Amino acid sequence: MIDPRLAGRNVLVTGGAGNIGAAISRAFAAQEARVAIHYLEAESPAPAETSWAHVTPPAEQAWRLADELDGAIAVEGDLSAEAAARALVREVVERLGSVDVLVNNAAHCETPDTVDTVTRGSLERHYRVNAVVPALLTAELVREQQGGDPPCVINVSTDAARAFPGQVGYGTSKAALEAVTRATALDLAPSGVRVNAVAPGPVQTGWLDGELLEHATRAVPMGRVGEPDDIADAVVFLASHQARWITGQVVQVAGGHAL
C-alpha cells in the first residue's frame, strides 16, 4: 500500500492488548493512527465445570502498550455489561474526538462447548460478547458520527464459524457475527460506512504446542499456522483507502484452512 491514509485516524480496538489485538493495535500505530486499546479490568470467574479458553490480559498490559504506541490510550470496559457499548464509544470520542475505525476483536470462548454440554448460560455468554456487542458498538459508532469521512468497521470472526466440532457456542456466535457484518454493511452502505470481517484460521498465540501444533500445521494447505501479524495486516488493509469499495465481505485469513 503506497498510502493507506490512516495517519491521524482514531482506531478503537476491542480486546486490543493481547495477542492478535496487540498486533492490530501496533499495526495501526505503525500507520500513524491513534489507537484506543480496550481492555477488561478483571474477568469474572468461570462457572463450575467450565473454563475460559481465552486468557484475558492484565490491565497493566494495556497500559504498557498504550505507553509504547505514540498517541495511544487505554480504555476499560466490561463488554458483557448492559451499557458497555455506549460508554466505551463515548469515552473514546471524548478523549480522542472521534472513532474513525472500529475493530471488534474482543471475543468470548469457553469449554466445554459441545452440543451435549452446552447450556443457556454458555450460549448467552458467547452470543453477547461475540455478536450482540459488536452490533451495538457499530450502532453507537454511527450515532456518534459527526461529519468528516465515514468510519469503517472490521469484525474479527473465525473459520470455526464454518464448521468446528466441539465449538458450538463459539462457532455459531461467530457465524452470527458474520451475518451482522453483512446486514450492517447493507444498512450503512448509503452513508459510506463500510463493514467487513476477517476470519482467522489457526493462529499461534501460545495455545498451540506439541501434537496440537503439528496437527494444525498439517491442516493448513499453506503449511504453517498463522501469526498475529497475519491477521493484523488484513485488518489494516480493510481499513485502508485501498479497500474503499469493499464492504460486507468476510475475508478468510487462514492459509487455505477451512475453505
Protein backbone atom coordinates (compact mmCIF):
# COMPACT_ATOMS: atom_id res chain seq x y z
CA MET A 1 0.00 0.00 0.00
CA ILE A 2 1.51 3.32 -1.08
CA ASP A 3 -0.66 5.44 1.22
CA PRO A 4 -3.37 3.73 3.29
CA ARG A 5 -4.49 7.19 4.52
CA LEU A 6 -4.69 6.09 8.13
CA ALA A 7 -2.37 8.70 9.63
CA GLY A 8 -4.23 10.74 12.23
CA ARG A 9 -7.26 8.43 12.22
CA ASN A 10 -8.65 7.24 15.54
CA VAL A 11 -8.97 3.47 15.90
CA LEU A 12 -10.81 1.60 18.67
CA VAL A 13 -9.63 -2.00 19.06
CA THR A 14 -11.65 -4.07 21.50
CA GLY A 15 -9.53 -6.63 23.30
CA GLY A 16 -6.61 -4.63 21.96
CA ALA A 17 -3.91 -5.57 24.46
CA GLY A 18 -3.18 -9.26 23.91
CA ASN A 19 -2.00 -11.46 21.06
CA ILE A 20 -4.00 -10.64 17.90
CA GLY A 21 -5.44 -7.50 19.47
CA ALA A 22 -2.00 -6.17 20.34
CA ALA A 23 -0.74 -6.94 16.82
CA ILE A 24 -3.70 -5.00 15.39
CA SER A 25 -3.03 -2.06 17.72
CA ARG A 26 0.64 -1.96 16.74
CA ALA A 27 -0.15 -2.27 13.03
CA PHE A 28 -2.42 0.78 13.11
CA ALA A 29 0.08 2.73 15.20
CA ALA A 30 2.71 1.94 12.55
CA GLN A 31 0.45 3.77 10.09
CA GLU A 32 0.46 6.78 12.46
CA ALA A 33 -3.10 6.22 13.62
CA ARG A 34 -4.12 6.93 17.21
CA VAL A 35 -5.26 3.73 18.89
CA ALA A 36 -7.72 3.29 21.75
CA ILE A 37 -6.79 -0.04 23.32
CA HIS A 38 -9.82 -1.56 25.03
CA TYR A 39 -9.22 -3.95 27.93
CA LEU A 40 -11.14 -5.74 30.67
CA GLU A 41 -10.10 -4.82 34.21
CA ALA A 42 -10.88 -8.18 35.76
CA GLU A 43 -12.70 -11.18 34.34
CA SER A 44 -15.45 -12.92 36.32
CA PRO A 45 -14.61 -16.46 37.42
CA ALA A 46 -15.88 -19.25 35.20
CA PRO A 47 -18.91 -21.23 36.40
CA ALA A 48 -18.34 -24.67 37.88
CA GLU A 49 -17.07 -27.28 35.40
CA THR A 50 -16.38 -24.52 32.86
CA SER A 51 -13.16 -22.76 31.87
CA TRP A 52 -12.45 -19.69 29.79
CA ALA A 53 -10.50 -20.65 26.66
CA HIS A 54 -9.28 -17.08 26.07
CA VAL A 55 -6.89 -15.61 28.60
CA THR A 56 -7.72 -12.00 29.46
CA PRO A 57 -4.53 -9.90 29.56
CA PRO A 58 -3.96 -7.96 32.80
CA ALA A 59 -4.83 -4.27 32.76
CA GLU A 60 -1.14 -3.39 33.09
CA GLN A 61 -0.52 -4.94 29.68
CA ALA A 62 -2.92 -2.49 28.06
CA TRP A 63 -1.35 0.43 29.90
CA ARG A 64 2.15 -0.59 28.82
CA LEU A 65 1.07 -0.98 25.21
CA ALA A 66 -0.58 2.45 25.27
CA ASP A 67 2.67 3.93 26.59
CA GLU A 68 4.59 2.14 23.85
CA LEU A 69 2.46 3.44 20.97
CA ASP A 70 2.54 7.12 20.06
CA GLY A 71 -0.79 8.82 20.81
CA ALA A 72 -2.46 5.64 22.08
CA ILE A 73 -4.81 5.43 25.06
CA ALA A 74 -6.12 2.53 27.14
CA VAL A 75 -9.87 2.31 27.83
CA GLU A 76 -11.53 -0.18 30.18
CA GLY A 77 -14.91 -1.80 29.68
CA ASP A 78 -16.79 -4.98 30.52
CA LEU A 79 -18.44 -5.79 27.19
CA SER A 80 -20.91 -8.14 28.86
CA ALA A 81 -22.45 -5.20 30.77
CA GLU A 82 -25.74 -3.66 29.64
CA ALA A 83 -24.50 -0.18 28.72
CA ALA A 84 -20.91 -1.09 27.85
CA ALA A 85 -21.09 -0.29 24.13
CA ARG A 86 -22.39 3.23 24.57
CA ALA A 87 -19.99 4.02 27.41
CA LEU A 88 -16.95 2.71 25.53
CA VAL A 89 -17.60 4.61 22.30
CA ARG A 90 -18.44 7.81 24.14
CA GLU A 91 -15.27 7.65 26.23
CA VAL A 92 -13.10 7.26 23.14
CA VAL A 93 -14.92 10.10 21.38
CA GLU A 94 -14.43 12.34 24.43
CA ARG A 95 -10.73 11.55 24.68
CA LEU A 96 -9.75 11.39 21.00
CA GLY A 97 -12.50 13.37 19.28
CA SER A 98 -13.92 10.58 17.11
CA VAL A 99 -13.82 6.90 16.25
CA ASP A 100 -12.84 6.52 12.61
CA VAL A 101 -12.16 2.77 12.67
CA LEU A 102 -13.79 0.20 14.93
CA VAL A 103 -12.17 -3.22 15.23
CA ASN A 104 -14.43 -5.69 17.03
CA ASN A 105 -11.70 -8.07 18.14
CA ALA A 106 -12.71 -8.98 21.71
CA ALA A 107 -14.20 -12.46 21.95
CA HIS A 108 -15.52 -14.99 24.42
CA CYS A 109 -14.70 -18.68 24.18
CA GLU A 110 -15.25 -21.29 26.85
CA THR A 111 -15.02 -25.03 27.25
CA PRO A 112 -16.67 -27.47 27.18
CA ASP A 113 -18.65 -26.26 24.18
CA THR A 114 -20.06 -29.45 22.66
CA VAL A 115 -23.72 -29.94 21.83
CA ASP A 116 -24.18 -32.31 24.78
CA THR A 117 -22.61 -29.88 27.28
CA VAL A 118 -23.93 -26.53 26.02
CA THR A 119 -26.11 -24.55 28.42
CA ARG A 120 -28.30 -21.49 28.19
CA GLY A 121 -25.70 -19.55 30.13
CA SER A 122 -22.80 -20.56 27.88
CA LEU A 123 -24.76 -19.68 24.76
CA GLU A 124 -25.75 -16.31 26.18
CA ARG A 125 -22.15 -15.50 27.15
CA HIS A 126 -20.84 -16.44 23.70
CA TYR A 127 -23.50 -14.55 21.77
CA ARG A 128 -23.42 -11.47 24.00
CA VAL A 129 -19.72 -10.78 23.52
CA ASN A 130 -19.19 -12.25 20.04
CA ALA A 131 -22.28 -10.98 18.20
CA VAL A 132 -24.51 -8.68 20.25
CA VAL A 133 -21.81 -6.28 21.47
CA PRO A 134 -20.18 -5.79 18.02
CA ALA A 135 -23.62 -4.92 16.61
CA LEU A 136 -24.24 -2.46 19.45
CA LEU A 137 -20.78 -0.90 19.12
CA THR A 138 -21.38 -0.42 15.39
CA ALA A 139 -24.70 1.25 16.14
CA GLU A 140 -23.10 3.56 18.71
CA LEU A 141 -20.30 4.40 16.28
CA VAL A 142 -22.85 5.58 13.72
CA ARG A 143 -24.80 7.57 16.32
CA GLU A 144 -21.65 9.36 17.45
CA GLN A 145 -20.51 10.20 13.91
CA GLN A 146 -20.14 13.94 13.48
CA GLY A 147 -19.22 14.80 9.91
CA GLY A 148 -15.87 14.06 8.31
CA ASP A 149 -15.05 10.90 6.43
CA PRO A 150 -17.36 7.95 7.14
CA PRO A 151 -15.95 5.49 9.69
CA CYS A 152 -15.41 1.81 8.95
CA VAL A 153 -15.83 -1.38 10.95
CA ILE A 154 -13.79 -4.60 10.87
CA ASN A 155 -15.14 -7.58 12.78
CA VAL A 156 -12.86 -10.45 13.78
CA SER A 157 -14.58 -13.77 13.22
CA THR A 158 -13.04 -17.25 12.94
CA ASP A 159 -13.07 -20.09 10.46
CA ALA A 160 -14.82 -22.04 13.24
CA ALA A 161 -17.89 -20.13 12.02
CA ARG A 162 -17.98 -22.56 9.09
CA ALA A 163 -17.54 -25.83 10.95
CA PHE A 164 -15.61 -26.70 14.06
CA PRO A 165 -16.70 -29.72 16.12
CA GLY A 166 -16.64 -29.02 19.82
CA GLN A 167 -17.23 -25.27 19.50
CA VAL A 168 -21.00 -25.00 19.25
CA GLY A 169 -21.49 -21.72 21.09
CA TYR A 170 -18.27 -20.11 19.89
CA GLY A 171 -18.57 -21.13 16.25
CA THR A 172 -22.25 -20.29 15.85
CA SER A 173 -21.88 -16.94 17.64
CA LYS A 174 -19.10 -16.03 15.22
CA ALA A 175 -21.32 -17.12 12.33
CA ALA A 176 -23.88 -14.69 13.73
CA LEU A 177 -21.16 -12.01 13.73
CA GLU A 178 -20.57 -12.66 10.03
CA ALA A 179 -24.30 -12.24 9.42
CA VAL A 180 -24.20 -8.99 11.41
CA THR A 181 -21.33 -7.91 9.15
CA ARG A 182 -23.40 -8.38 6.01
CA ALA A 183 -26.58 -6.88 7.45
CA THR A 184 -24.93 -3.74 8.82
CA ALA A 185 -22.88 -3.32 5.64
CA LEU A 186 -26.08 -3.16 3.59
CA ASP A 187 -27.79 -0.80 6.03
CA LEU A 188 -24.84 1.58 6.21
CA ALA A 189 -23.58 1.49 2.61
CA PRO A 190 -25.66 4.53 1.53
CA SER A 191 -23.92 6.61 4.21
CA GLY A 192 -20.48 5.45 3.09
CA VAL A 193 -19.78 3.38 6.21
CA ARG A 194 -18.04 0.12 5.32
CA VAL A 195 -18.33 -3.05 7.40
CA ASN A 196 -16.14 -6.11 6.76
CA ALA A 197 -14.75 -9.06 8.69
CA VAL A 198 -11.67 -11.23 8.78
CA ALA A 199 -11.92 -14.91 9.69
CA PRO A 200 -8.61 -16.22 11.05
CA GLY A 201 -7.61 -19.85 10.89
CA PRO A 202 -5.31 -21.46 13.47
CA VAL A 203 -3.12 -18.67 14.86
CA GLN A 204 -0.20 -19.23 17.22
CA THR A 205 -1.00 -17.17 20.29
CA GLY A 206 0.59 -19.62 22.71
CA TRP A 207 -2.15 -22.25 22.78
CA LEU A 208 -0.65 -24.45 20.04
CA ASP A 209 2.15 -26.76 21.11
CA GLY A 210 3.39 -30.28 20.57
CA GLU A 211 0.95 -32.61 18.85
CA LEU A 212 -1.72 -29.90 18.52
CA LEU A 213 0.68 -27.63 16.63
CA GLU A 214 1.68 -30.47 14.31
CA HIS A 215 -1.98 -31.30 13.65
CA ALA A 216 -2.88 -27.66 12.96
CA THR A 217 0.11 -27.23 10.65
CA ARG A 218 -0.86 -30.30 8.62
CA ALA A 219 -4.43 -28.99 8.35
CA VAL A 220 -3.37 -25.70 6.75
CA PRO A 221 -2.76 -26.04 2.98
CA MET A 222 -0.04 -23.36 3.03
CA GLY A 223 1.92 -25.47 5.52
CA ARG A 224 2.09 -23.22 8.57
CA VAL A 225 -0.18 -21.81 11.26
CA GLY A 226 -0.83 -18.10 11.34
CA GLU A 227 0.86 -15.39 13.37
CA PRO A 228 -0.97 -12.40 14.89
CA ASP A 229 0.64 -10.09 12.32
CA ASP A 230 -1.03 -12.07 9.52
CA ILE A 231 -4.40 -11.06 10.90
CA ALA A 232 -3.36 -7.52 11.76
CA ASP A 233 -2.17 -6.80 8.22
CA ALA A 234 -5.51 -7.94 6.78
CA VAL A 235 -7.41 -5.73 9.24
CA VAL A 236 -5.31 -2.70 8.34
CA PHE A 237 -5.91 -3.35 4.64
CA LEU A 238 -9.69 -3.44 5.12
CA ALA A 239 -9.49 -0.11 6.96
CA SER A 240 -7.28 1.47 4.29
CA HIS A 241 -8.11 3.72 1.36
CA GLN A 242 -7.21 0.82 -0.93
CA ALA A 243 -10.28 -1.08 0.37
CA ARG A 244 -12.62 1.88 -0.15
CA TRP A 245 -15.10 -0.09 -2.35
CA ILE A 246 -15.11 -3.27 -0.26
CA THR A 247 -17.96 -3.83 2.16
CA GLY A 248 -19.98 -6.74 3.53
CA GLN A 249 -17.14 -9.20 2.99
CA VAL A 250 -15.74 -11.93 5.23
CA VAL A 251 -12.09 -12.48 4.29
CA GLN A 252 -10.63 -15.85 5.26
CA VAL A 253 -7.11 -15.23 6.60
CA ALA A 254 -6.21 -18.83 7.16
CA GLY A 255 -3.67 -20.11 4.65
CA GLY A 256 -6.42 -22.06 2.87
CA HIS A 257 -7.73 -23.71 6.06
CA ALA A 258 -11.47 -24.47 6.23
CA LEU A 259 -12.28 -23.45 2.66
